[in-house]
Amino acid sequence: EIIHEGENGYLCQPGDVEALAQRVEALVNRPELRAALSSAAKNWDLKEFGFFAMAEQSSHLYRELCGF
């Protein structure tokens, strides 16, 4: 839900050491990639999980549960 492969981070299958090593190597060797993923992750986190987003989601859930 939080990580979008290649957009704001990377995902690897559990135990896939080779894939993890490749991702880490790419991040170490490509500062522009690190910056792009970091920026996208920050924007996504704030949009979807920031204070106002979470308050709106909680309010929506409360209204739904109360039948408003």
N, C-alpha and C. Protein backbone atom coordinates (compact mmCIF):
# COMPACT_ATOMS: atom_id res chain seq x y z
N GLU A 1 0.82 -1.19 0.00
CA GLU A 1 0.00 0.00 0.00
C GLU A 1 0.87 1.26 0.00
N ILE A 2 1.99 1.21 0.65
CA ILE A 2 2.84 2.40 0.75
C ILE A 2 3.88 2.43 -0.36
N ILE A 3 4.51 1.30 -0.64
CA ILE A 3 5.59 1.26 -1.63
C ILE A 3 5.02 0.90 -3.00
N HIS A 4 5.34 1.72 -3.96
CA HIS A 4 4.97 1.46 -5.36
C HIS A 4 6.28 1.19 -6.10
N GLU A 5 6.44 -0.04 -6.49
CA GLU A 5 7.68 -0.54 -7.08
C GLU A 5 8.24 0.39 -8.16
N GLY A 6 9.46 0.86 -7.92
CA GLY A 6 10.15 1.69 -8.89
C GLY A 6 9.71 3.14 -8.92
N GLU A 7 8.62 3.47 -8.22
CA GLU A 7 8.15 4.86 -8.19
C GLU A 7 8.61 5.57 -6.93
N ASN A 8 8.41 4.94 -5.79
CA ASN A 8 8.81 5.57 -4.53
C ASN A 8 9.62 4.61 -3.64
N GLY A 9 10.06 3.52 -4.23
CA GLY A 9 10.86 2.56 -3.50
C GLY A 9 10.95 1.25 -4.26
N TYR A 10 11.54 0.28 -3.61
CA TYR A 10 11.70 -1.04 -4.22
C TYR A 10 11.19 -2.10 -3.26
N LEU A 11 10.70 -3.17 -3.83
CA LEU A 11 10.28 -4.34 -3.06
C LEU A 11 11.06 -5.55 -3.55
N CYS A 12 11.42 -6.41 -2.64
CA CYS A 12 12.10 -7.67 -2.99
C CYS A 12 11.38 -8.80 -2.27
N GLN A 13 11.38 -9.94 -2.89
CA GLN A 13 10.80 -11.12 -2.26
C GLN A 13 11.65 -11.51 -1.06
N PRO A 14 11.02 -11.97 0.01
CA PRO A 14 11.80 -12.44 1.16
C PRO A 14 12.80 -13.51 0.75
N GLY A 15 14.02 -13.35 1.19
CA GLY A 15 15.07 -14.32 0.90
C GLY A 15 15.78 -14.11 -0.42
N ASP A 16 15.32 -13.17 -1.23
CA ASP A 16 15.97 -12.92 -2.53
C ASP A 16 17.13 -11.96 -2.33
N VAL A 17 18.23 -12.51 -1.87
CA VAL A 17 19.40 -11.71 -1.53
C VAL A 17 19.98 -11.03 -2.77
N GLU A 18 19.97 -11.70 -3.90
CA GLU A 18 20.51 -11.14 -5.14
C GLU A 18 19.72 -9.89 -5.56
N ALA A 19 18.41 -9.95 -5.52
CA ALA A 19 17.59 -8.80 -5.88
C ALA A 19 17.83 -7.64 -4.92
N LEU A 20 17.90 -7.95 -3.64
CA LEU A 20 18.16 -6.91 -2.64
C LEU A 20 19.52 -6.26 -2.88
N ALA A 21 20.53 -7.07 -3.14
CA ALA A 21 21.87 -6.53 -3.41
C ALA A 21 21.87 -5.65 -4.65
N GLN A 22 21.14 -6.04 -5.69
CA GLN A 22 21.07 -5.22 -6.90
C GLN A 22 20.40 -3.88 -6.63
N ARG A 23 19.33 -3.89 -5.84
CA ARG A 23 18.62 -2.64 -5.51
C ARG A 23 19.52 -1.72 -4.69
N VAL A 24 20.19 -2.29 -3.69
CA VAL A 24 21.07 -1.48 -2.85
C VAL A 24 22.21 -0.91 -3.69
N GLU A 25 22.79 -1.73 -4.56
CA GLU A 25 23.87 -1.27 -5.42
C GLU A 25 23.41 -0.11 -6.32
N ALA A 26 22.21 -0.24 -6.89
CA ALA A 26 21.68 0.83 -7.74
C ALA A 26 21.51 2.11 -6.94
N LEU A 27 21.02 2.01 -5.73
CA LEU A 27 20.83 3.20 -4.90
C LEU A 27 22.15 3.83 -4.47
N VAL A 28 23.13 3.00 -4.19
CA VAL A 28 24.44 3.51 -3.79
C VAL A 28 25.12 4.22 -4.97
N ASN A 29 25.00 3.65 -6.16
CA ASN A 29 25.72 4.17 -7.32
C ASN A 29 24.99 5.27 -8.10
N ARG A 30 23.72 5.48 -7.82
CA ARG A 30 22.95 6.45 -8.59
C ARG A 30 22.25 7.45 -7.67
N PRO A 31 22.94 8.53 -7.32
CA PRO A 31 22.35 9.52 -6.42
C PRO A 31 21.07 10.14 -6.97
N GLU A 32 20.96 10.26 -8.30
CA GLU A 32 19.75 10.84 -8.89
C GLU A 32 18.55 9.92 -8.67
N LEU A 33 18.79 8.61 -8.70
CA LEU A 33 17.73 7.64 -8.43
C LEU A 33 17.29 7.72 -6.98
N ARG A 34 18.27 7.80 -6.07
CA ARG A 34 17.96 7.95 -4.64
C ARG A 34 17.11 9.19 -4.40
N ALA A 35 17.51 10.30 -5.02
CA ALA A 35 16.79 11.55 -4.83
C ALA A 35 15.37 11.46 -5.38
N ALA A 36 15.21 10.85 -6.54
CA ALA A 36 13.88 10.73 -7.16
C ALA A 36 12.96 9.85 -6.32
N LEU A 37 13.46 8.70 -5.88
CA LEU A 37 12.65 7.80 -5.06
C LEU A 37 12.31 8.44 -3.71
N SER A 38 13.29 9.14 -3.14
CA SER A 38 13.06 9.80 -1.86
C SER A 38 12.00 10.88 -1.97
N SER A 39 12.09 11.68 -3.00
CA SER A 39 11.12 12.75 -3.22
C SER A 39 9.72 12.19 -3.44
N ALA A 40 9.63 11.17 -4.28
CA ALA A 40 8.34 10.55 -4.55
C ALA A 40 7.75 9.92 -3.28
N ALA A 41 8.60 9.29 -2.48
CA ALA A 41 8.13 8.66 -1.24
C ALA A 41 7.60 9.72 -0.28
N LYS A 42 8.32 10.82 -0.16
CA LYS A 42 7.89 11.89 0.74
C LYS A 42 6.54 12.45 0.28
N ASN A 43 6.41 12.73 -0.99
CA ASN A 43 5.15 13.28 -1.51
C ASN A 43 4.01 12.31 -1.32
N TRP A 44 4.23 11.02 -1.57
CA TRP A 44 3.19 10.01 -1.41
C TRP A 44 2.79 9.89 0.06
N ASP A 45 3.80 9.83 0.95
CA ASP A 45 3.51 9.68 2.37
C ASP A 45 2.67 10.84 2.88
N LEU A 46 3.04 12.06 2.50
CA LEU A 46 2.30 13.22 2.97
C LEU A 46 0.88 13.24 2.40
N LYS A 47 0.76 12.87 1.13
CA LYS A 47 -0.55 12.88 0.48
C LYS A 47 -1.48 11.84 1.08
N GLU A 48 -0.97 10.64 1.28
CA GLU A 48 -1.81 9.53 1.72
C GLU A 48 -1.81 9.28 3.22
N PHE A 49 -0.73 9.65 3.91
CA PHE A 49 -0.61 9.29 5.31
C PHE A 49 -0.25 10.47 6.20
N GLY A 50 -0.28 11.68 5.68
CA GLY A 50 -0.01 12.86 6.48
C GLY A 50 -1.15 13.13 7.45
N PHE A 51 -0.98 14.12 8.28
CA PHE A 51 -1.96 14.44 9.31
C PHE A 51 -3.35 14.68 8.73
N PHE A 52 -3.45 15.54 7.73
CA PHE A 52 -4.76 15.88 7.18
C PHE A 52 -5.41 14.70 6.47
N ALA A 53 -4.62 13.92 5.78
CA ALA A 53 -5.17 12.74 5.10
C ALA A 53 -5.69 11.74 6.12
N MET A 54 -4.94 11.51 7.17
CA MET A 54 -5.38 10.55 8.19
C MET A 54 -6.59 11.08 8.95
N ALA A 55 -6.64 12.38 9.22
CA ALA A 55 -7.80 12.96 9.90
C ALA A 55 -9.05 12.79 9.03
N GLU A 56 -8.91 13.04 7.73
CA GLU A 56 -10.05 12.88 6.81
C GLU A 56 -10.50 11.43 6.74
N GLN A 57 -9.56 10.51 6.67
CA GLN A 57 -9.91 9.09 6.62
C GLN A 57 -10.60 8.65 7.91
N SER A 58 -10.12 9.12 9.05
CA SER A 58 -10.74 8.77 10.33
C SER A 58 -12.14 9.35 10.43
N SER A 59 -12.29 10.59 9.99
CA SER A 59 -13.60 11.23 10.00
C SER A 59 -14.58 10.50 9.10
N HIS A 60 -14.12 10.12 7.93
CA HIS A 60 -14.96 9.38 6.99
C HIS A 60 -15.41 8.05 7.59
N LEU A 61 -14.48 7.35 8.20
CA LEU A 61 -14.81 6.06 8.83
C LEU A 61 -15.81 6.26 9.96
N TYR A 62 -15.59 7.27 10.78
CA TYR A 62 -16.50 7.53 11.90
C TYR A 62 -17.91 7.83 11.39
N ARG A 63 -18.01 8.69 10.37
CA ARG A 63 -19.31 9.02 9.80
C ARG A 63 -19.98 7.78 9.22
N GLU A 64 -19.20 6.96 8.56
CA GLU A 64 -19.74 5.72 7.97
C GLU A 64 -20.26 4.77 9.06
N LEU A 65 -19.48 4.60 10.11
CA LEU A 65 -19.89 3.70 11.19
C LEU A 65 -21.10 4.21 11.96
N CYS A 66 -21.23 5.53 12.04
CA CYS A 66 -22.36 6.12 12.76
C CYS A 66 -23.58 6.34 11.87
N GLY A 67 -23.44 6.06 10.59
CA GLY A 67 -24.56 6.19 9.68
C GLY A 67 -24.84 7.60 9.22
N PHE A 68 -23.84 8.48 9.29
CA PHE A 68 -24.02 9.86 8.81
C PHE A 68 -23.77 9.95 7.34
